[in-house]
Protein backbone atom coordinates (compact mmCIF):
# COMPACT_ATOMS: atom_id res chain seq x y z
CA MET A 1 -80.06 180.61 60.01
CA ALA A 2 -80.29 178.70 56.67
CA GLY A 3 -82.72 181.22 54.89
CA HIS A 4 -80.00 183.78 55.95
CA ASP A 5 -77.56 182.23 54.53
CA GLU A 6 -79.02 181.62 51.29
CA LYS A 7 -80.03 185.26 51.11
CA VAL A 8 -76.76 186.28 51.35
CA ASP A 9 -75.45 183.79 48.83
CA THR A 10 -78.05 185.08 46.61
CA VAL A 11 -76.80 188.81 47.12
CA HIS A 12 -73.36 187.80 46.54
CA ASP A 13 -74.03 185.70 43.49
CA GLU A 14 -75.99 188.79 41.75
CA VAL A 15 -73.02 191.21 42.58
CA VAL A 16 -70.90 188.74 40.98
CA THR A 17 -73.02 188.43 37.96
CA GLU A 18 -73.30 192.21 37.71
CA VAL A 19 -69.37 192.66 37.65
CA ASN A 20 -68.71 190.16 35.21
CA MET A 21 -71.40 191.24 32.61
CA LYS A 22 -70.61 194.55 32.89
CA GLY A 23 -66.98 194.73 34.32
CA THR A 24 -65.22 195.93 31.30
CA VAL A 25 -67.63 198.68 30.34
CA LEU A 26 -68.13 199.89 33.89
CA ALA A 27 -64.70 199.54 35.09
CA LYS A 28 -63.72 202.12 32.10
CA GLN A 29 -66.35 204.42 32.84
CA ALA A 30 -64.83 204.57 36.53
CA ALA A 31 -61.48 205.26 34.99
CA GLU A 32 -62.39 207.97 33.05
CA GLU A 33 -64.30 209.57 35.98
CA GLU A 34 -61.28 209.62 38.11
CA HIS A 35 -59.14 211.36 35.50
CA ASN A 36 -61.96 213.90 34.75
CA LEU A 37 -62.69 214.28 38.62
CA SER A 38 -61.57 217.85 39.96
CA PHE A 39 -60.18 218.24 43.57
CA LEU A 40 -63.38 220.15 44.64
CA ALA A 41 -65.77 217.92 43.00
CA ALA A 42 -63.98 215.02 44.39
CA ILE A 43 -64.43 216.60 48.23
CA ARG A 44 -67.81 216.94 47.50
CA LYS A 45 -68.51 213.43 46.01
CA TYR A 46 -66.28 211.64 48.62
CA ARG A 47 -66.63 213.63 51.63
CA LYS A 48 -67.40 210.83 53.83
CA ALA A 49 -63.99 208.89 52.55
CA VAL A 50 -62.06 212.23 53.48
CA PHE A 51 -64.07 212.39 56.75
CA TRP A 52 -62.88 208.87 57.51
CA SER A 53 -59.46 208.82 56.38
CA ALA A 54 -58.55 212.20 58.02
CA LEU A 55 -59.87 210.68 61.40
CA LEU A 56 -58.11 207.63 61.11
CA SER A 57 -54.78 209.29 60.23
CA THR A 58 -55.09 211.12 63.60
CA SER A 59 -53.77 207.83 65.28
CA ILE A 60 -50.51 209.02 63.67
CA ILE A 61 -50.62 211.84 66.01
CA MET A 62 -49.45 209.89 69.05
CA GLU A 63 -46.20 208.67 67.13
CA GLY A 64 -45.08 211.75 66.23
CA TYR A 65 -45.48 213.10 69.68
CA ASP A 66 -43.51 210.50 71.44
CA ILE A 67 -40.90 210.66 68.84
CA VAL A 68 -39.99 214.53 70.12
CA LEU A 69 -41.15 213.54 73.62
CA MET A 70 -38.04 210.96 74.22
CA SER A 71 -35.54 212.99 72.42
CA SER A 72 -36.62 216.26 74.16
CA PHE A 73 -36.31 214.33 77.64
CA PHE A 74 -32.66 214.22 77.25
CA ALA A 75 -32.28 217.77 77.27
CA GLN A 76 -34.64 218.18 80.15
CA PRO A 77 -33.06 218.65 83.42
CA SER A 78 -35.52 217.07 85.61
CA PHE A 79 -35.77 214.11 83.53
CA SER A 80 -31.88 213.64 83.38
CA ALA A 81 -31.60 214.28 87.20
CA ARG A 82 -34.17 211.54 87.70
CA TYR A 83 -32.66 208.82 85.11
CA GLY A 84 -29.26 210.14 84.23
CA ASP A 85 -25.65 209.98 85.97
CA TYR A 86 -23.79 213.10 87.01
CA ASP A 87 -21.10 214.27 84.42
CA ALA A 88 -18.53 216.35 86.06
CA ALA A 89 -17.09 217.88 83.08
CA THR A 90 -20.18 219.69 82.30
CA GLY A 91 -21.51 219.99 85.89
CA THR A 92 -24.90 218.52 84.78
CA HIS A 93 -26.88 215.28 84.82
CA GLN A 94 -26.78 213.34 81.53
CA ILE A 95 -28.65 210.57 79.91
CA SER A 96 -25.51 208.51 78.64
CA ALA A 97 -25.18 208.07 74.65
CA SER A 98 -25.80 204.21 75.09
CA TRP A 99 -29.04 204.82 77.15
CA GLN A 100 -30.04 207.65 74.63
CA ASN A 101 -29.69 205.02 71.97
CA GLY A 102 -31.51 202.36 73.87
CA LEU A 103 -34.64 204.52 74.48
CA SER A 104 -34.96 205.94 70.96
CA ASN A 105 -34.35 202.33 69.49
CA ALA A 106 -36.67 200.43 71.59
CA VAL A 107 -39.25 202.44 70.21
CA SER A 108 -38.14 201.86 66.85
CA VAL A 109 -37.89 197.86 67.27
CA GLY A 110 -41.49 197.97 68.86
CA THR A 111 -42.65 199.96 65.68
CA ILE A 112 -41.01 197.30 63.37
CA VAL A 113 -42.81 194.60 65.24
CA GLY A 114 -46.01 196.44 64.83
CA ALA A 115 -45.56 197.09 61.39
CA PHE A 116 -44.58 193.80 60.30
CA ALA A 117 -47.71 192.22 62.47
CA ASN A 118 -50.03 194.88 60.67
CA GLY A 119 -49.13 193.59 57.35
CA TYR A 120 -50.08 189.87 58.21
CA PHE A 121 -53.27 190.80 60.41
CA THR A 122 -54.66 193.61 58.29
CA HIS A 123 -54.73 191.26 55.30
CA LYS A 124 -56.65 188.59 57.24
CA PHE A 125 -58.92 190.84 59.29
CA GLY A 126 -59.35 194.15 57.71
CA TYR A 127 -58.08 197.68 58.91
CA ARG A 128 -60.88 198.37 61.33
CA LYS A 129 -60.54 195.47 63.66
CA VAL A 130 -56.83 195.73 63.57
CA LEU A 131 -56.75 199.50 64.41
CA LEU A 132 -59.30 198.96 67.07
CA GLY A 133 -57.35 196.27 68.69
CA SER A 134 -54.17 198.35 68.32
CA LEU A 135 -56.09 201.70 69.92
CA GLY A 136 -56.84 199.41 73.23
CA LEU A 137 -53.07 198.13 73.52
CA ILE A 138 -51.49 201.86 73.18
CA ALA A 139 -54.15 202.73 76.06
CA ALA A 140 -52.77 200.01 78.36
CA PHE A 141 -48.88 200.24 77.61
CA ILE A 142 -48.85 204.10 78.53
CA PHE A 143 -49.03 202.84 81.86
CA ILE A 144 -45.61 201.50 81.88
CA PRO A 145 -43.73 204.70 80.86
CA PHE A 146 -45.92 207.08 83.09
CA PHE A 147 -44.92 204.81 86.31
CA ALA A 148 -41.27 203.77 84.97
CA PRO A 149 -38.79 203.77 88.15
CA ASN A 150 -35.81 203.33 86.28
CA LEU A 151 -34.55 203.42 82.59
CA PRO A 152 -34.74 199.21 82.01
CA VAL A 153 -38.74 199.65 82.86
CA LEU A 154 -38.88 202.78 80.53
CA LEU A 155 -37.27 201.19 77.82
CA VAL A 156 -39.69 198.23 78.06
CA GLY A 157 -42.40 200.59 77.98
CA GLU A 158 -41.18 202.44 75.07
CA PHE A 159 -40.68 199.12 73.22
CA LEU A 160 -44.34 198.23 74.02
CA CYS A 161 -45.68 201.20 72.91
CA GLY A 162 -44.04 201.23 69.71
CA ILE A 163 -45.89 197.95 68.77
CA PRO A 164 -49.21 199.66 68.03
CA TRP A 165 -47.31 202.97 66.70
CA GLY A 166 -45.99 200.60 64.08
CA VAL A 167 -49.82 199.78 63.33
CA PHE A 168 -50.78 203.29 62.99
CA ALA A 169 -47.90 204.55 60.86
CA THR A 170 -48.29 201.85 58.12
CA MET A 171 -52.23 201.56 58.40
CA ALA A 172 -52.81 205.13 57.74
CA PRO A 173 -51.42 205.94 54.56
CA ALA A 174 -52.60 202.44 52.93
CA TYR A 175 -56.08 203.19 54.21
CA ALA A 176 -56.21 206.71 52.82
CA SER A 177 -54.71 205.45 49.53
CA GLU A 178 -57.49 202.65 49.06
CA ILE A 179 -60.62 204.64 50.12
CA CYS A 180 -59.85 208.04 48.29
CA PRO A 181 -60.19 208.74 44.42
CA MET A 182 -57.21 209.55 42.58
CA ALA A 183 -57.82 213.25 42.83
CA LEU A 184 -57.85 213.07 46.80
CA ARG A 185 -55.32 210.27 47.22
CA GLY A 186 -52.21 212.21 47.39
CA TYR A 187 -53.66 215.08 49.75
CA LEU A 188 -54.94 212.46 52.04
CA THR A 189 -51.73 210.30 52.29
CA VAL A 190 -49.67 213.53 52.92
CA TYR A 191 -52.40 214.39 55.54
CA VAL A 192 -50.79 211.51 57.43
CA ASN A 193 -47.34 213.38 57.49
CA LEU A 194 -49.33 216.72 58.89
CA CYS A 195 -50.62 214.52 61.69
CA TRP A 196 -46.93 213.15 62.45
CA ALA A 197 -45.98 217.35 62.47
CA LEU A 198 -49.06 218.12 64.52
CA GLY A 199 -47.91 215.28 67.14
CA GLN A 200 -44.49 216.73 66.98
CA LEU A 201 -45.51 220.39 67.45
CA VAL A 202 -48.09 219.27 70.68
CA SER A 203 -44.96 217.43 72.24
CA ALA A 204 -42.88 220.29 71.89
CA GLY A 205 -45.47 222.47 73.02
CA VAL A 206 -45.84 220.30 76.11
CA GLN A 207 -42.43 219.93 76.78
CA SER A 208 -41.74 223.88 76.20
CA GLY A 209 -44.19 224.66 79.25
CA PHE A 210 -42.12 222.28 81.42
CA ALA A 211 -38.88 223.45 80.62
CA GLU A 212 -38.28 225.21 83.83
CA ASN A 213 -40.24 222.45 86.04
CA THR A 214 -37.89 220.76 88.10
CA THR A 215 -40.44 218.01 89.59
CA GLU A 216 -41.05 214.55 88.37
CA TRP A 217 -44.44 215.89 86.67
CA SER A 218 -42.35 217.66 84.15
CA TYR A 219 -42.07 214.33 82.25
CA ARG A 220 -45.22 212.08 83.80
CA ILE A 221 -47.45 214.87 82.48
CA PRO A 222 -46.25 214.52 79.20
CA PHE A 223 -46.45 210.78 78.98
CA ALA A 224 -50.22 210.90 80.62
CA ILE A 225 -51.10 213.37 77.59
CA GLN A 226 -50.74 210.54 75.43
CA TRP A 227 -54.15 209.16 76.66
CA VAL A 228 -55.96 211.86 75.11
CA TRP A 229 -55.85 210.11 71.84
CA PRO A 230 -56.63 206.65 71.92
CA ILE A 231 -59.88 206.42 74.18
CA PRO A 232 -62.09 208.67 72.17
CA LEU A 233 -60.63 207.66 68.73
CA PHE A 234 -61.46 204.05 69.76
CA PHE A 235 -65.19 204.79 70.19
CA ILE A 236 -65.70 207.11 66.82
CA LEU A 237 -63.65 204.66 64.75
CA TRP A 238 -65.95 201.82 65.82
CA PHE A 239 -68.35 203.03 62.96
CA ALA A 240 -65.68 203.29 60.18
CA PRO A 241 -65.93 201.66 57.02
CA GLU A 242 -63.61 198.80 55.91
CA SER A 243 -61.51 199.36 52.98
CA PRO A 244 -63.54 198.12 49.83
CA TRP A 245 -60.48 196.96 48.46
CA HIS A 246 -59.66 194.70 51.01
CA HIS A 247 -63.11 193.10 50.59
CA VAL A 248 -62.39 192.76 46.74
CA ARG A 249 -59.04 190.99 47.67
CA LYS A 250 -61.32 188.43 49.54
CA GLY A 251 -63.89 188.23 46.93
CA GLU A 252 -66.52 189.71 49.02
CA TYR A 253 -67.97 192.04 46.23
CA ASP A 254 -71.14 192.55 48.32
CA LEU A 255 -69.51 194.19 51.04
CA ALA A 256 -67.25 195.87 48.83
CA LYS A 257 -70.12 197.53 47.04
CA LYS A 258 -71.74 198.40 50.30
CA ASN A 259 -68.63 200.32 51.72
CA ILE A 260 -68.04 202.11 48.44
CA SER A 261 -71.76 203.29 48.72
CA ARG A 262 -70.55 204.36 52.48
CA LEU A 263 -67.58 206.41 51.31
CA SER A 264 -69.59 208.45 48.63
CA ALA A 265 -71.91 210.88 49.01
CA ALA A 266 -75.53 209.68 49.97
CA LYS A 267 -77.15 210.66 46.65
CA ASP A 268 -74.53 209.35 44.66
CA GLY A 269 -73.77 205.90 46.53
CA SER A 270 -75.64 203.79 44.09
CA THR A 271 -74.49 205.02 40.99
CA VAL A 272 -70.72 205.45 41.88
CA ALA A 273 -70.76 201.77 43.72
CA ALA A 274 -71.17 199.53 40.46
CA PRO A 275 -68.27 201.53 38.32
CA MET A 276 -66.05 201.53 41.01
CA LEU A 277 -66.48 198.04 42.43
CA ALA A 278 -66.20 196.99 38.49
CA MET A 279 -62.47 198.95 38.34
CA MET A 280 -61.40 197.50 41.61
CA VAL A 281 -62.17 194.02 40.37
CA HIS A 282 -60.70 194.50 37.09
CA THR A 283 -57.40 195.72 38.67
CA ASN A 284 -57.30 192.80 40.97
CA GLU A 285 -57.58 190.49 38.17
CA LEU A 286 -55.02 192.29 36.22
CA GLU A 287 -52.77 192.21 39.15
CA GLN A 288 -53.52 188.34 39.66
CA ARG A 289 -52.46 187.39 36.19
CA LEU A 290 -49.10 189.49 36.82
CA ASP A 291 -48.33 187.72 40.24
CA ASP A 292 -51.09 185.85 42.38
CA GLY A 293 -49.40 185.57 45.43
CA THR A 294 -50.01 188.24 48.44
CA SER A 295 -47.33 187.32 51.12
CA TYR A 296 -44.30 189.34 52.18
CA TRP A 297 -42.00 187.10 49.80
CA ASP A 298 -44.26 188.01 46.94
CA CYS A 299 -43.00 192.00 47.52
CA PHE A 300 -39.58 190.73 46.38
CA LYS A 301 -40.74 189.01 43.61
CA GLY A 302 -40.70 190.02 39.65
CA VAL A 303 -41.76 193.40 39.21
CA ASP A 304 -43.10 194.08 42.57
CA ARG A 305 -39.49 193.72 43.78
CA TYR A 306 -38.83 197.30 41.93
CA ARG A 307 -41.79 198.59 43.84
CA THR A 308 -40.84 197.45 47.01
CA GLU A 309 -37.48 199.17 46.70
CA ILE A 310 -39.02 202.30 45.67
CA ALA A 311 -41.14 202.37 48.86
CA CYS A 312 -38.46 201.43 50.98
CA MET A 313 -35.63 203.73 49.80
CA VAL A 314 -38.17 206.90 49.81
CA PHE A 315 -38.80 206.31 53.30
CA ALA A 316 -35.24 205.10 54.57
CA ALA A 317 -34.03 208.43 53.00
CA GLN A 318 -35.85 210.42 55.90
CA PRO A 319 -33.78 209.63 58.69
CA PHE A 320 -30.44 209.57 56.65
CA CYS A 321 -31.17 213.11 54.94
CA GLY A 322 -30.66 214.64 58.41
CA SER A 323 -34.30 214.20 60.43
CA ALA A 324 -32.04 212.20 63.26
CA MET A 325 -30.17 215.69 63.91
CA GLY A 326 -33.13 217.72 63.01
CA GLY A 327 -36.23 216.38 62.92
CA THR A 328 -36.08 216.44 66.75
CA PRO A 329 -34.32 219.52 67.34
CA THR A 330 -34.31 220.62 70.66
CA TYR A 331 -31.19 218.16 71.93
CA PHE A 332 -29.50 219.57 69.16
CA PHE A 333 -30.18 223.23 70.06
CA VAL A 334 -29.07 222.53 73.63
CA GLN A 335 -25.75 220.65 72.21
CA ALA A 336 -25.20 223.57 69.65
CA GLY A 337 -24.97 226.12 72.85
CA LEU A 338 -28.27 227.71 73.04
CA PRO A 339 -29.80 227.74 76.53
CA THR A 340 -32.36 225.22 77.26
CA SER A 341 -35.65 227.46 77.69
CA ILE A 342 -34.65 229.02 74.23
CA SER A 343 -33.95 225.64 72.87
CA PHE A 344 -37.34 224.20 73.59
CA GLN A 345 -39.08 227.55 72.50
CA MET A 346 -37.54 227.45 68.97
CA ALA A 347 -38.06 223.83 68.72
CA VAL A 348 -41.80 224.69 68.97
CA GLY A 349 -41.48 227.48 66.42
CA GLY A 350 -39.64 224.86 64.43
CA LEU A 351 -42.06 222.05 64.41
CA GLY A 352 -44.79 224.91 63.80
CA LEU A 353 -43.10 225.69 60.56
CA ALA A 354 -43.25 221.83 59.79
CA SER A 355 -47.06 221.75 60.26
CA VAL A 356 -47.27 224.94 57.76
CA GLY A 357 -44.64 223.52 55.37
CA THR A 358 -46.98 220.14 55.06
CA ILE A 359 -50.16 222.38 54.38
CA ILE A 360 -47.80 224.08 51.83
CA SER A 361 -46.84 220.91 50.05
CA TRP A 362 -50.44 220.20 49.02
CA PHE A 363 -50.28 223.16 46.76
CA LEU A 364 -46.95 222.14 45.46
CA MET A 365 -48.46 218.67 44.75
CA SER A 366 -51.03 220.61 42.05
CA ARG A 367 -48.13 221.75 40.23
CA PHE A 368 -45.04 219.82 40.35
CA GLY A 369 -45.05 215.77 40.46
CA ARG A 370 -43.94 213.94 43.33
CA ARG A 371 -40.47 212.84 41.59
CA MET A 372 -39.50 216.42 41.39
CA ILE A 373 -40.46 217.75 44.62
CA TYR A 374 -38.61 214.61 46.37
CA LEU A 375 -35.46 215.12 44.19
CA VAL A 376 -35.55 219.06 45.04
CA GLY A 377 -36.07 218.45 48.33
CA LEU A 378 -32.97 216.09 48.86
CA GLY A 379 -30.96 218.40 47.32
CA ALA A 380 -32.01 221.19 49.27
CA LEU A 381 -31.75 219.22 52.47
CA ALA A 382 -27.82 218.46 51.91
CA ALA A 383 -27.08 222.05 51.01
CA ILE A 384 -28.58 223.23 54.47
CA LEU A 385 -26.75 220.40 56.24
CA PHE A 386 -23.24 221.36 54.71
CA ILE A 387 -23.90 225.04 55.55
CA VAL A 388 -24.35 224.09 59.46
CA GLY A 389 -20.97 222.34 59.25
CA PHE A 390 -19.30 224.97 57.67
CA ILE A 391 -20.64 227.31 60.42
CA SER A 392 -19.77 224.99 63.16
CA VAL A 393 -16.35 224.94 61.83
CA GLY A 394 -15.87 229.01 61.58
CA ALA A 395 -17.63 229.94 64.69
CA ALA A 396 -18.72 227.19 66.72
CA ASP A 397 -17.98 228.96 70.17
CA SER A 398 -19.72 232.21 69.29
CA ALA A 399 -23.16 233.12 70.28
CA GLY A 400 -24.05 234.37 66.71
CA GLY A 401 -22.74 231.09 65.22
CA ASN A 402 -24.95 229.12 67.51
CA TYR A 403 -28.02 231.09 66.54
CA ALA A 404 -26.94 230.68 63.26
CA GLN A 405 -26.89 226.99 63.21
CA ALA A 406 -30.15 226.96 65.18
CA SER A 407 -31.67 229.03 62.28
CA MET A 408 -30.47 226.85 59.61
CA MET A 409 -31.94 223.99 61.30
CA LEU A 410 -35.29 225.70 61.44
CA ILE A 411 -34.93 226.28 57.50
CA TRP A 412 -34.27 222.66 57.25
CA LEU A 413 -37.38 221.85 59.01
CA LEU A 414 -39.31 224.11 56.94
CA VAL A 415 -37.89 222.17 53.62
CA TYR A 416 -37.92 218.96 54.79
CA TYR A 417 -41.77 219.26 55.60
CA LEU A 418 -42.35 220.85 52.41
CA THR A 419 -41.01 218.14 50.27
CA VAL A 420 -39.17 214.93 51.59
CA GLY A 421 -41.41 214.40 54.44
CA PRO A 422 -44.86 214.59 53.36
CA ILE A 423 -44.47 213.58 49.51
CA CYS A 424 -43.17 210.09 50.58
CA TYR A 425 -46.38 209.27 51.95
CA ALA A 426 -48.17 210.02 48.63
CA ILE A 427 -45.46 207.90 46.83
CA ILE A 428 -45.73 204.75 49.26
CA GLY A 429 -49.53 205.01 49.00
CA GLU A 430 -49.22 204.92 45.12
CA VAL A 431 -46.26 202.79 43.94
CA SER A 432 -47.35 199.25 45.35
CA SER A 433 -49.73 197.02 43.62
CA THR A 434 -53.23 196.78 45.22
CA ARG A 435 -52.93 193.63 46.54
CA LEU A 436 -49.64 194.01 48.15
CA ARG A 437 -50.28 197.46 49.18
CA ASN A 438 -50.44 196.90 53.00
CA LYS A 439 -47.83 194.86 53.07
CA THR A 440 -45.57 197.01 50.79
CA VAL A 441 -46.41 200.15 52.99
CA CYS A 442 -45.32 197.98 56.27
CA LEU A 443 -42.04 196.87 54.38
CA SER A 444 -41.20 200.59 53.73
CA ARG A 445 -42.31 201.72 57.38
CA ILE A 446 -39.88 199.12 58.46
CA ALA A 447 -37.14 200.33 56.33
CA TYR A 448 -37.66 203.40 57.65
CA TYR A 449 -37.59 202.00 61.38
CA ILE A 450 -34.31 200.14 60.50
CA ALA A 451 -32.44 203.36 59.10
CA GLN A 452 -33.95 205.35 62.16
CA VAL A 453 -32.06 203.01 64.43
CA LEU A 454 -28.92 203.14 62.56
CA CYS A 455 -29.14 206.76 62.44
CA ASN A 456 -30.01 206.95 66.18
CA VAL A 457 -26.96 204.65 67.08
CA VAL A 458 -24.99 207.04 65.17
CA ASN A 459 -26.19 210.37 66.11
CA PRO A 460 -25.93 210.76 69.62
CA TYR A 461 -22.05 209.60 69.82
CA MET A 462 -21.47 212.35 67.25
CA LEU A 463 -23.56 215.00 69.25
CA ASN A 464 -23.09 213.93 72.77
CA PRO A 465 -20.84 216.02 74.86
CA THR A 466 -19.51 212.75 76.78
CA ALA A 467 -19.00 211.23 73.13
CA GLY A 468 -17.74 213.07 70.15
CA ASN A 469 -18.95 216.45 70.77
CA TRP A 470 -19.10 217.19 67.08
CA ARG A 471 -21.71 219.51 67.57
CA GLY A 472 -22.90 221.22 64.08
CA LYS A 473 -20.26 219.47 62.32
CA THR A 474 -22.45 216.30 62.32
CA GLY A 475 -24.16 218.21 59.47
CA PHE A 476 -21.41 217.32 57.09
CA PHE A 477 -22.27 213.36 57.89
CA TRP A 478 -25.72 213.79 57.00
CA GLY A 479 -25.51 215.82 54.08
CA GLY A 480 -23.34 213.51 52.47
CA TRP A 481 -26.12 211.05 52.90
CA ALA A 482 -28.61 213.10 51.66
CA LEU A 483 -26.49 213.73 48.32
CA ALA A 484 -26.54 209.86 48.13
CA PHE A 485 -30.04 209.35 48.23
CA PHE A 486 -30.53 212.48 45.63
CA ALA A 487 -28.48 210.18 43.06
CA TRP A 488 -30.62 207.17 43.98
CA THR A 489 -33.93 209.16 43.62
CA TRP A 490 -32.67 211.04 40.02
CA PHE A 491 -32.38 207.19 38.55
CA ARG A 492 -34.98 204.97 40.49
CA LEU A 493 -37.94 207.12 41.31
CA PRO A 494 -40.94 207.33 39.00
CA GLU A 495 -43.52 209.73 38.82
CA THR A 496 -46.89 208.32 40.20
CA SER A 497 -49.26 211.04 39.95
CA ASP A 498 -52.43 211.42 37.93
CA LYS A 499 -52.28 207.75 37.19
CA THR A 500 -54.90 205.10 38.19
CA PHE A 501 -53.53 201.99 40.35
CA GLU A 502 -54.13 199.84 36.75
CA GLU A 503 -52.44 202.29 34.75
CA LEU A 504 -49.23 202.10 37.20
CA ASP A 505 -49.75 198.31 37.07
CA ILE A 506 -49.01 198.65 33.31
CA LEU A 507 -46.31 201.15 33.50
CA PHE A 508 -44.19 198.93 36.08
CA ALA A 509 -45.18 195.59 34.12
CA ARG A 510 -43.38 197.34 30.63
CA ARG A 511 -40.42 198.37 32.83
CA ILE A 512 -40.61 201.84 31.64
CA ARG A 513 -37.53 203.98 33.09
CA ALA A 514 -38.38 205.93 35.89
CA ARG A 515 -37.49 209.14 34.16
CA ASP A 516 -40.03 208.43 31.37
CA PHE A 517 -43.06 207.66 33.50
CA ALA A 518 -44.42 210.98 33.64
CA LYS A 519 -44.72 211.07 29.83
CA TYR A 520 -46.40 207.75 29.32
CA ARG A 521 -50.05 207.40 28.78
CA VAL A 522 -51.69 203.98 28.65
CA ASP A 523 -55.46 202.58 28.17
CA ALA A 524 -55.86 200.01 30.78
CA TYR A 525 -59.08 198.83 28.89
CA ALA A 526 -57.60 198.61 25.31
CA GLU A 527 -57.78 195.29 23.51
CA GLY A 528 -54.55 193.28 24.53
CA GLN A 529 -53.69 195.75 26.80
CA ALA A 530 -54.36 193.49 29.91
CA GLY A 531 -52.09 190.93 28.62
CA LEU A 532 -49.43 193.22 28.54
């Protein structure tokens, strides 16, 4: 055992010596290669990183699936008959607005707990171990909603399922941004949103298939389908490589170099590893000079406070720009006056558009910056929501008006998944410092869940026929919020594309104005640059 320990220490010392002697030269070489690497060349060179990032991101499908699942159940007659109360005014069973809030927000509270825990445990144990543990937990927790005899038990089940979902939602974009080169990180972080959209599409499709079913299996089978993901993913991701950045933060340079080699093409592994490791170490040392801490509190200190603000605000904008109303559209379609079966079918079509929109957003990213896409998206979403409100005022009780509102919300879904929905993931994967990335991503997702809770509390009371019964006029409320976030974006959101993490560190440290980020070029290895 002593001989083995000495051998390990020797390997570690050799790697450290290599980094110290050649660090700056190799790091600059890696940074230049990052800037010169084309998309196709990056795919060929880092195809293993693409493979593992895409696989880990599929865990997000489960959260997207459940978000649509529960809101769609509120519009399903068999679910309402089992868990709801009879409403004499409509002649149907309804889940009350308070219970809709409770069930929707139970998931959000659980995901807040999961996201916060992920920030702590991933820093300590790494991505892989926390992911595998979370997959085991979700497989166990699904039993509770599947067998739930009443609403309180269902609420507990949704809360517990939310904990591992919070881990998946915060881990996937952070892992993608850390294992992929600059040419791919935007695409792979946005792919997380595609998985979210696919989960919603699968959920809407399953629900549509059971829309006319009046038995308990119309909601039990959709719950059971959630077991499809965690079990095979557990065995596949057992072999996933740990993020090299995690090992660098821990000072485990030999393990970092090994995993860099695993993530690159086999023939290039040895030549890529040394420069990439040197750049990671250089970035880590730069951030240590700026702020040595890695706790949640450090996310709110110094320049990192601004970076945390950006990550949190771009995520919080999602529920407030109308996704509480249009992101899970089935219930809105029913309340707008469409038949239940058609509402489920239109939801499937809308979420299909969402998946297509996310794919198209990849091509938009190659021509326009993150800031421009996000800004235009918020403006367009606000306009659509106001149009829905005006249609509801002028033609609320006509069949044409009902279908017009539904059609506008389908357009809302397409625009959302072209812009605000996917681009948010690219922004949060780039805006934080590398030492605080996982915690910043977790805080941003927690901000999203808190915003979602607030919106989920308000939205049912506006839409539910037993409460406000605003129907399409709810668009005025969310359109106003979309405009408010549009104003914030104009003044506070910087452009983060086509810059290495070191370059972003320097731009933030210099407190460059958000609107000027895109035109600034910095050399992270120029003499005196590291000292800023």
